[in-house]
Amino acid sequence: MLWPANSPDLNTIEHMWDELCCRVQQHHPPPANLGQLLQWLQQEWNGVPRAFICNLIHSMRQRCVECLAHNGGHTRY
């Protein structure tokens, strides 16, 4: 498969970053310093459910199919 130049939809890590961001933002109050933020990021990264990660992995085939169908353009992912 040729690499579609404008297809960030294939990058599942973007969905992982979004999940991580949402999980960290649930902490109140916000982190007091960089060290606390790092600690929370590591804690939440390790706490992302395995099913969420597996879902991202298993979505790759459909992501590729849709990306090809849209000639590398925007997809629902």
PDB file of N, CA and C in Angstrom:
ATOM      1  N   MET A   1       0.849  -1.176   0.000  1.00  0.00           N
ATOM      2  CA  MET A   1       0.000   0.000   0.000  1.00  0.00           C
ATOM      3  C   MET A   1       0.893   1.237   0.000  1.00  0.00           C
ATOM      4  N   LEU A   2       0.627   2.152  -0.885  1.00  0.00           N
ATOM      5  CA  LEU A   2       1.350   3.418  -0.880  1.00  0.00           C
ATOM      6  C   LEU A   2       0.974   4.194   0.360  1.00  0.00           C
ATOM      7  N   TRP A   3       1.912   4.955   0.882  1.00  0.00           N
ATOM      8  CA  TRP A   3       1.650   5.736   2.083  1.00  0.00           C
ATOM      9  C   TRP A   3       0.840   6.973   1.718  1.00  0.00           C
ATOM     10  N   PRO A   4      -0.408   7.041   2.170  1.00  0.00           N
ATOM     11  CA  PRO A   4      -1.216   8.231   1.877  1.00  0.00           C
ATOM     12  C   PRO A   4      -0.641   9.443   2.619  1.00  0.00           C
ATOM     13  N   ALA A   5      -0.264  10.448   1.903  1.00  0.00           N
ATOM     14  CA  ALA A   5       0.446  11.598   2.476  1.00  0.00           C
ATOM     15  C   ALA A   5      -0.359  12.373   3.502  1.00  0.00           C
ATOM     16  N   ASN A   6      -1.650  12.449   3.345  1.00  0.00           N
ATOM     17  CA  ASN A   6      -2.452  13.268   4.258  1.00  0.00           C
ATOM     18  C   ASN A   6      -3.435  12.398   5.031  1.00  0.00           C
ATOM     19  N   SER A   7      -2.915  11.370   5.696  1.00  0.00           N
ATOM     20  CA  SER A   7      -3.802  10.441   6.397  1.00  0.00           C
ATOM     21  C   SER A   7      -3.435  10.258   7.862  1.00  0.00           C
ATOM     22  N   PRO A   8      -3.603  11.280   8.682  1.00  0.00           N
ATOM     23  CA  PRO A   8      -3.331  11.114  10.114  1.00  0.00           C
ATOM     24  C   PRO A   8      -4.304  10.131  10.761  1.00  0.00           C
ATOM     25  N   ASP A   9      -5.372   9.759  10.050  1.00  0.00           N
ATOM     26  CA  ASP A   9      -6.354   8.829  10.585  1.00  0.00           C
ATOM     27  C   ASP A   9      -5.750   7.451  10.842  1.00  0.00           C
ATOM     28  N   LEU A  10      -4.615   7.152  10.239  1.00  0.00           N
ATOM     29  CA  LEU A  10      -3.972   5.866  10.453  1.00  0.00           C
ATOM     30  C   LEU A  10      -3.167   5.848  11.749  1.00  0.00           C
ATOM     31  N   ASN A  11      -2.944   6.984  12.344  1.00  0.00           N
ATOM     32  CA  ASN A  11      -2.114   7.076  13.531  1.00  0.00           C
ATOM     33  C   ASN A  11      -2.960   6.887  14.796  1.00  0.00           C
ATOM     34  N   THR A  12      -3.014   5.652  15.285  1.00  0.00           N
ATOM     35  CA  THR A  12      -3.853   5.358  16.454  1.00  0.00           C
ATOM     36  C   THR A  12      -3.329   5.993  17.728  1.00  0.00           C
ATOM     37  N   ILE A  13      -2.060   6.393  17.758  1.00  0.00           N
ATOM     38  CA  ILE A  13      -1.529   7.005  18.979  1.00  0.00           C
ATOM     39  C   ILE A  13      -2.258   8.319  19.282  1.00  0.00           C
ATOM     40  N   GLU A  14      -2.804   8.972  18.260  1.00  0.00           N
ATOM     41  CA  GLU A  14      -3.561  10.205  18.500  1.00  0.00           C
ATOM     42  C   GLU A  14      -4.774   9.935  19.389  1.00  0.00           C
ATOM     43  N   HIS A  15      -5.403   8.790  19.182  1.00  0.00           N
ATOM     44  CA  HIS A  15      -6.548   8.423  20.026  1.00  0.00           C
ATOM     45  C   HIS A  15      -6.091   8.066  21.443  1.00  0.00           C
ATOM     46  N   MET A  16      -4.907   7.485  21.536  1.00  0.00           N
ATOM     47  CA  MET A  16      -4.350   7.164  22.849  1.00  0.00           C
ATOM     48  C   MET A  16      -4.011   8.449  23.603  1.00  0.00           C
ATOM     49  N   TRP A  17      -3.424   9.438  22.906  1.00  0.00           N
ATOM     50  CA  TRP A  17      -3.110  10.721  23.554  1.00  0.00           C
ATOM     51  C   TRP A  17      -4.392  11.399  24.032  1.00  0.00           C
ATOM     52  N   ASP A  18      -5.445  11.338  23.221  1.00  0.00           N
ATOM     53  CA  ASP A  18      -6.717  11.944  23.599  1.00  0.00           C
ATOM     54  C   ASP A  18      -7.277  11.278  24.856  1.00  0.00           C
ATOM     55  N   GLU A  19      -7.224   9.964  24.900  1.00  0.00           N
ATOM     56  CA  GLU A  19      -7.692   9.220  26.082  1.00  0.00           C
ATOM     57  C   GLU A  19      -6.881   9.612  27.307  1.00  0.00           C
ATOM     58  N   LEU A  20      -5.569   9.682  27.151  1.00  0.00           N
ATOM     59  CA  LEU A  20      -4.692  10.051  28.251  1.00  0.00           C
ATOM     60  C   LEU A  20      -4.992  11.465  28.736  1.00  0.00           C
ATOM     61  N   CYS A  21      -5.186  12.386  27.816  1.00  0.00           N
ATOM     62  CA  CYS A  21      -5.505  13.773  28.162  1.00  0.00           C
ATOM     63  C   CYS A  21      -6.801  13.842  28.973  1.00  0.00           C
ATOM     64  N   CYS A  22      -7.815  13.146  28.520  1.00  0.00           N
ATOM     65  CA  CYS A  22      -9.106  13.137  29.232  1.00  0.00           C
ATOM     66  C   CYS A  22      -8.953  12.581  30.634  1.00  0.00           C
ATOM     67  N   ARG A  23      -8.177  11.526  30.763  1.00  0.00           N
ATOM     68  CA  ARG A  23      -7.989  10.897  32.065  1.00  0.00           C
ATOM     69  C   ARG A  23      -7.230  11.821  33.021  1.00  0.00           C
ATOM     70  N   VAL A  24      -6.212  12.518  32.528  1.00  0.00           N
ATOM     71  CA  VAL A  24      -5.435  13.424  33.374  1.00  0.00           C
ATOM     72  C   VAL A  24      -6.269  14.644  33.753  1.00  0.00           C
ATOM     73  N   GLN A  25      -7.101  15.130  32.834  1.00  0.00           N
ATOM     74  CA  GLN A  25      -7.921  16.306  33.121  1.00  0.00           C
ATOM     75  C   GLN A  25      -8.989  16.041  34.174  1.00  0.00           C
ATOM     76  N   GLN A  26      -9.249  14.786  34.482  1.00  0.00           N
ATOM     77  CA  GLN A  26     -10.224  14.458  35.518  1.00  0.00           C
ATOM     78  C   GLN A  26      -9.673  14.691  36.917  1.00  0.00           C
ATOM     79  N   HIS A  27      -8.354  14.875  37.030  1.00  0.00           N
ATOM     80  CA  HIS A  27      -7.745  15.176  38.325  1.00  0.00           C
ATOM     81  C   HIS A  27      -8.052  16.627  38.696  1.00  0.00           C
ATOM     82  N   HIS A  28      -8.518  16.827  39.912  1.00  0.00           N
ATOM     83  CA  HIS A  28      -8.784  18.191  40.388  1.00  0.00           C
ATOM     84  C   HIS A  28      -8.168  18.340  41.756  1.00  0.00           C
ATOM     85  N   PRO A  29      -7.468  19.403  42.002  1.00  0.00           N
ATOM     86  CA  PRO A  29      -7.105  20.506  41.111  1.00  0.00           C
ATOM     87  C   PRO A  29      -6.046  20.060  40.102  1.00  0.00           C
ATOM     88  N   PRO A  30      -5.731  20.930  39.133  1.00  0.00           N
ATOM     89  CA  PRO A  30      -4.702  20.595  38.141  1.00  0.00           C
ATOM     90  C   PRO A  30      -3.364  20.303  38.833  1.00  0.00           C
ATOM     91  N   PRO A  31      -2.441  19.671  38.136  1.00  0.00           N
ATOM     92  CA  PRO A  31      -1.143  19.361  38.753  1.00  0.00           C
ATOM     93  C   PRO A  31      -0.439  20.623  39.231  1.00  0.00           C
ATOM     94  N   ALA A  32       0.194  20.509  40.376  1.00  0.00           N
ATOM     95  CA  ALA A  32       0.858  21.664  40.980  1.00  0.00           C
ATOM     96  C   ALA A  32       2.207  21.955  40.328  1.00  0.00           C
ATOM     97  N   ASN A  33       2.808  20.929  39.728  1.00  0.00           N
ATOM     98  CA  ASN A  33       4.123  21.117  39.123  1.00  0.00           C
ATOM     99  C   ASN A  33       4.352  20.047  38.060  1.00  0.00           C
ATOM    100  N   LEU A  34       5.477  20.155  37.377  1.00  0.00           N
ATOM    101  CA  LEU A  34       5.803  19.224  36.296  1.00  0.00           C
ATOM    102  C   LEU A  34       5.963  17.795  36.805  1.00  0.00           C
ATOM    103  N   GLY A  35       6.538  17.652  37.978  1.00  0.00           N
ATOM    104  CA  GLY A  35       6.732  16.324  38.558  1.00  0.00           C
ATOM    105  C   GLY A  35       5.402  15.626  38.807  1.00  0.00           C
ATOM    106  N   GLN A  36       4.430  16.360  39.326  1.00  0.00           N
ATOM    107  CA  GLN A  36       3.112  15.787  39.573  1.00  0.00           C
ATOM    108  C   GLN A  36       2.419  15.433  38.259  1.00  0.00           C
ATOM    109  N   LEU A  37       2.559  16.283  37.260  1.00  0.00           N
ATOM    110  CA  LEU A  37       1.979  15.992  35.948  1.00  0.00           C
ATOM    111  C   LEU A  37       2.586  14.718  35.375  1.00  0.00           C
ATOM    112  N   LEU A  38       3.893  14.578  35.452  1.00  0.00           N
ATOM    113  CA  LEU A  38       4.554  13.373  34.961  1.00  0.00           C
ATOM    114  C   LEU A  38       4.036  12.136  35.696  1.00  0.00           C
ATOM    115  N   GLN A  39       3.907  12.252  36.999  1.00  0.00           N
ATOM    116  CA  GLN A  39       3.403  11.133  37.805  1.00  0.00           C
ATOM    117  C   GLN A  39       1.992  10.751  37.371  1.00  0.00           C
ATOM    118  N   TRP A  40       1.131  11.730  37.174  1.00  0.00           N
ATOM    119  CA  TRP A  40      -0.250  11.461  36.755  1.00  0.00           C
ATOM    120  C   TRP A  40      -0.291  10.850  35.361  1.00  0.00           C
ATOM    121  N   LEU A  41       0.537  11.376  34.455  1.00  0.00           N
ATOM    122  CA  LEU A  41       0.578  10.838  33.099  1.00  0.00           C
ATOM    123  C   LEU A  41       0.979   9.361  33.108  1.00  0.00           C
ATOM    124  N   GLN A  42       2.002   9.040  33.888  1.00  0.00           N
ATOM    125  CA  GLN A  42       2.436   7.647  33.970  1.00  0.00           C
ATOM    126  C   GLN A  42       1.359   6.768  34.599  1.00  0.00           C
ATOM    127  N   GLN A  43       0.734   7.272  35.639  1.00  0.00           N
ATOM    128  CA  GLN A  43      -0.328   6.521  36.313  1.00  0.00           C
ATOM    129  C   GLN A  43      -1.499   6.269  35.368  1.00  0.00           C
ATOM    130  N   GLU A  44      -1.925   7.295  34.656  1.00  0.00           N
ATOM    131  CA  GLU A  44      -3.075   7.155  33.763  1.00  0.00           C
ATOM    132  C   GLU A  44      -2.728   6.321  32.523  1.00  0.00           C
ATOM    133  N   TRP A  45      -1.493   6.454  32.016  1.00  0.00           N
ATOM    134  CA  TRP A  45      -1.059   5.635  30.880  1.00  0.00           C
ATOM    135  C   TRP A  45      -1.174   4.157  31.248  1.00  0.00           C
ATOM    136  N   ASN A  46      -0.692   3.819  32.445  1.00  0.00           N
ATOM    137  CA  ASN A  46      -0.752   2.433  32.909  1.00  0.00           C
ATOM    138  C   ASN A  46      -2.178   1.988  33.219  1.00  0.00           C
ATOM    139  N   GLY A  47      -3.082   2.942  33.439  1.00  0.00           N
ATOM    140  CA  GLY A  47      -4.457   2.617  33.778  1.00  0.00           C
ATOM    141  C   GLY A  47      -5.409   2.545  32.597  1.00  0.00           C
ATOM    142  N   VAL A  48      -4.928   2.843  31.392  1.00  0.00           N
ATOM    143  CA  VAL A  48      -5.804   2.758  30.218  1.00  0.00           C
ATOM    144  C   VAL A  48      -6.213   1.291  30.052  1.00  0.00           C
ATOM    145  N   PRO A  49      -7.508   1.037  29.967  1.00  0.00           N
ATOM    146  CA  PRO A  49      -7.969  -0.349  29.877  1.00  0.00           C
ATOM    147  C   PRO A  49      -7.399  -1.085  28.661  1.00  0.00           C
ATOM    148  N   ARG A  50      -7.042  -2.325  28.887  1.00  0.00           N
ATOM    149  CA  ARG A  50      -6.499  -3.162  27.824  1.00  0.00           C
ATOM    150  C   ARG A  50      -7.475  -3.254  26.648  1.00  0.00           C
ATOM    151  N   ALA A  51      -8.768  -3.282  26.941  1.00  0.00           N
ATOM    152  CA  ALA A  51      -9.782  -3.368  25.883  1.00  0.00           C
ATOM    153  C   ALA A  51      -9.713  -2.150  24.962  1.00  0.00           C
ATOM    154  N   PHE A  52      -9.439  -0.966  25.511  1.00  0.00           N
ATOM    155  CA  PHE A  52      -9.327   0.248  24.702  1.00  0.00           C
ATOM    156  C   PHE A  52      -8.157   0.115  23.720  1.00  0.00           C
ATOM    157  N   ILE A  53      -7.028  -0.365  24.226  1.00  0.00           N
ATOM    158  CA  ILE A  53      -5.834  -0.524  23.390  1.00  0.00           C
ATOM    159  C   ILE A  53      -6.075  -1.588  22.316  1.00  0.00           C
ATOM    160  N   CYS A  54      -6.674  -2.704  22.704  1.00  0.00           N
ATOM    161  CA  CYS A  54      -6.975  -3.770  21.744  1.00  0.00           C
ATOM    162  C   CYS A  54      -7.924  -3.269  20.662  1.00  0.00           C
ATOM    163  N   ASN A  55      -8.878  -2.459  21.054  1.00  0.00           N
ATOM    164  CA  ASN A  55      -9.830  -1.885  20.106  1.00  0.00           C
ATOM    165  C   ASN A  55      -9.114  -1.027  19.063  1.00  0.00           C
ATOM    166  N   LEU A  56      -8.150  -0.237  19.513  1.00  0.00           N
ATOM    167  CA  LEU A  56      -7.369   0.582  18.580  1.00  0.00           C
ATOM    168  C   LEU A  56      -6.595  -0.301  17.603  1.00  0.00           C
ATOM    169  N   ILE A  57      -5.973  -1.336  18.138  1.00  0.00           N
ATOM    170  CA  ILE A  57      -5.187  -2.238  17.290  1.00  0.00           C
ATOM    171  C   ILE A  57      -6.078  -2.928  16.270  1.00  0.00           C
ATOM    172  N   HIS A  58      -7.212  -3.437  16.732  1.00  0.00           N
ATOM    173  CA  HIS A  58      -8.105  -4.172  15.837  1.00  0.00           C
ATOM    174  C   HIS A  58      -8.810  -3.264  14.823  1.00  0.00           C
ATOM    175  N   SER A  59      -8.774  -1.967  15.048  1.00  0.00           N
ATOM    176  CA  SER A  59      -9.409  -1.040  14.111  1.00  0.00           C
ATOM    177  C   SER A  59      -8.515  -0.722  12.910  1.00  0.00           C
ATOM    178  N   MET A  60      -7.255  -1.159  12.950  1.00  0.00           N
ATOM    179  CA  MET A  60      -6.308  -0.782  11.893  1.00  0.00           C
ATOM    180  C   MET A  60      -6.729  -1.261  10.508  1.00  0.00           C
ATOM    181  N   ARG A  61      -7.244  -2.459  10.395  1.00  0.00           N
ATOM    182  CA  ARG A  61      -7.656  -2.956   9.082  1.00  0.00           C
ATOM    183  C   ARG A  61      -8.720  -2.041   8.484  1.00  0.00           C
ATOM    184  N   GLN A  62      -9.744  -1.709   9.275  1.00  0.00           N
ATOM    185  CA  GLN A  62     -10.824  -0.857   8.778  1.00  0.00           C
ATOM    186  C   GLN A  62     -10.315   0.562   8.506  1.00  0.00           C
ATOM    187  N   ARG A  63      -9.383   1.036   9.308  1.00  0.00           N
ATOM    188  CA  ARG A  63      -8.786   2.360   9.079  1.00  0.00           C
ATOM    189  C   ARG A  63      -8.106   2.404   7.713  1.00  0.00           C
ATOM    190  N   CYS A  64      -7.342   1.343   7.409  1.00  0.00           N
ATOM    191  CA  CYS A  64      -6.644   1.278   6.125  1.00  0.00           C
ATOM    192  C   CYS A  64      -7.633   1.208   4.967  1.00  0.00           C
ATOM    193  N   VAL A  65      -8.675   0.409   5.124  1.00  0.00           N
ATOM    194  CA  VAL A  65      -9.695   0.279   4.078  1.00  0.00           C
ATOM    195  C   VAL A  65     -10.345   1.635   3.811  1.00  0.00           C
ATOM    196  N   GLU A  66     -10.743   2.329   4.879  1.00  0.00           N
ATOM    197  CA  GLU A  66     -11.386   3.639   4.704  1.00  0.00           C
ATOM    198  C   GLU A  66     -10.423   4.671   4.146  1.00  0.00           C
ATOM    199  N   CYS A  67      -9.174   4.628   4.580  1.00  0.00           N
ATOM    200  CA  CYS A  67      -8.179   5.575   4.088  1.00  0.00           C
ATOM    201  C   CYS A  67      -7.987   5.408   2.577  1.00  0.00           C
ATOM    202  N   LEU A  68      -7.897   4.158   2.142  1.00  0.00           N
ATOM    203  CA  LEU A  68      -7.755   3.895   0.710  1.00  0.00           C
ATOM    204  C   LEU A  68      -9.011   4.333  -0.051  1.00  0.00           C
ATOM    205  N   ALA A  69     -10.179   4.084   0.532  1.00  0.00           N
ATOM    206  CA  ALA A  69     -11.435   4.459  -0.123  1.00  0.00           C
ATOM    207  C   ALA A  69     -11.558   5.974  -0.271  1.00  0.00           C
ATOM    208  N   HIS A  70     -10.912   6.723   0.640  1.00  0.00           N
ATOM    209  CA  HIS A  70     -10.973   8.188   0.596  1.00  0.00           C
ATOM    210  C   HIS A  70      -9.695   8.791   0.015  1.00  0.00           C
ATOM    211  N   ASN A  71      -8.926   7.964  -0.689  1.00  0.00           N
ATOM    212  CA  ASN A  71      -7.673   8.416  -1.312  1.00  0.00           C
ATOM    213  C   ASN A  71      -6.757   9.166  -0.347  1.00  0.00           C
ATOM    214  N   GLY A  72      -6.689   8.661   0.883  1.00  0.00           N
ATOM    215  CA  GLY A  72      -5.806   9.261   1.881  1.00  0.00           C
ATOM    216  C   GLY A  72      -6.401  10.459   2.583  1.00  0.00           C
ATOM    217  N   GLY A  73      -7.633  10.802   2.252  1.00  0.00           N
ATOM    218  CA  GLY A  73      -8.293  11.957   2.878  1.00  0.00           C
ATOM    219  C   GLY A  73      -8.924  11.607   4.212  1.00  0.00           C
ATOM    220  N   HIS A  74      -9.730  12.506   4.720  1.00  0.00           N
ATOM    221  CA  HIS A  74     -10.365  12.373   6.027  1.00  0.00           C
ATOM    222  C   HIS A  74     -11.325  11.177   6.060  1.00  0.00           C
ATOM    223  N   THR A  75     -11.266  10.445   7.179  1.00  0.00           N
ATOM    224  CA  THR A  75     -12.197   9.334   7.384  1.00  0.00           C
ATOM    225  C   THR A  75     -12.939   9.567   8.698  1.00  0.00           C
ATOM    226  N   ARG A  76     -13.804   8.646   9.066  1.00  0.00           N
ATOM    227  CA  ARG A  76     -14.557   8.798  10.318  1.00  0.00           C
ATOM    228  C   ARG A  76     -13.674   8.574  11.541  1.00  0.00           C
ATOM    229  N   TYR A  77     -12.464   8.135  11.337  1.00  0.00           N
ATOM    230  CA  TYR A  77     -11.563   7.909  12.465  1.00  0.00           C
ATOM    231  C   TYR A  77     -10.841   9.195  12.789  1.00  0.00           C
TER     232      TYR A  77
END
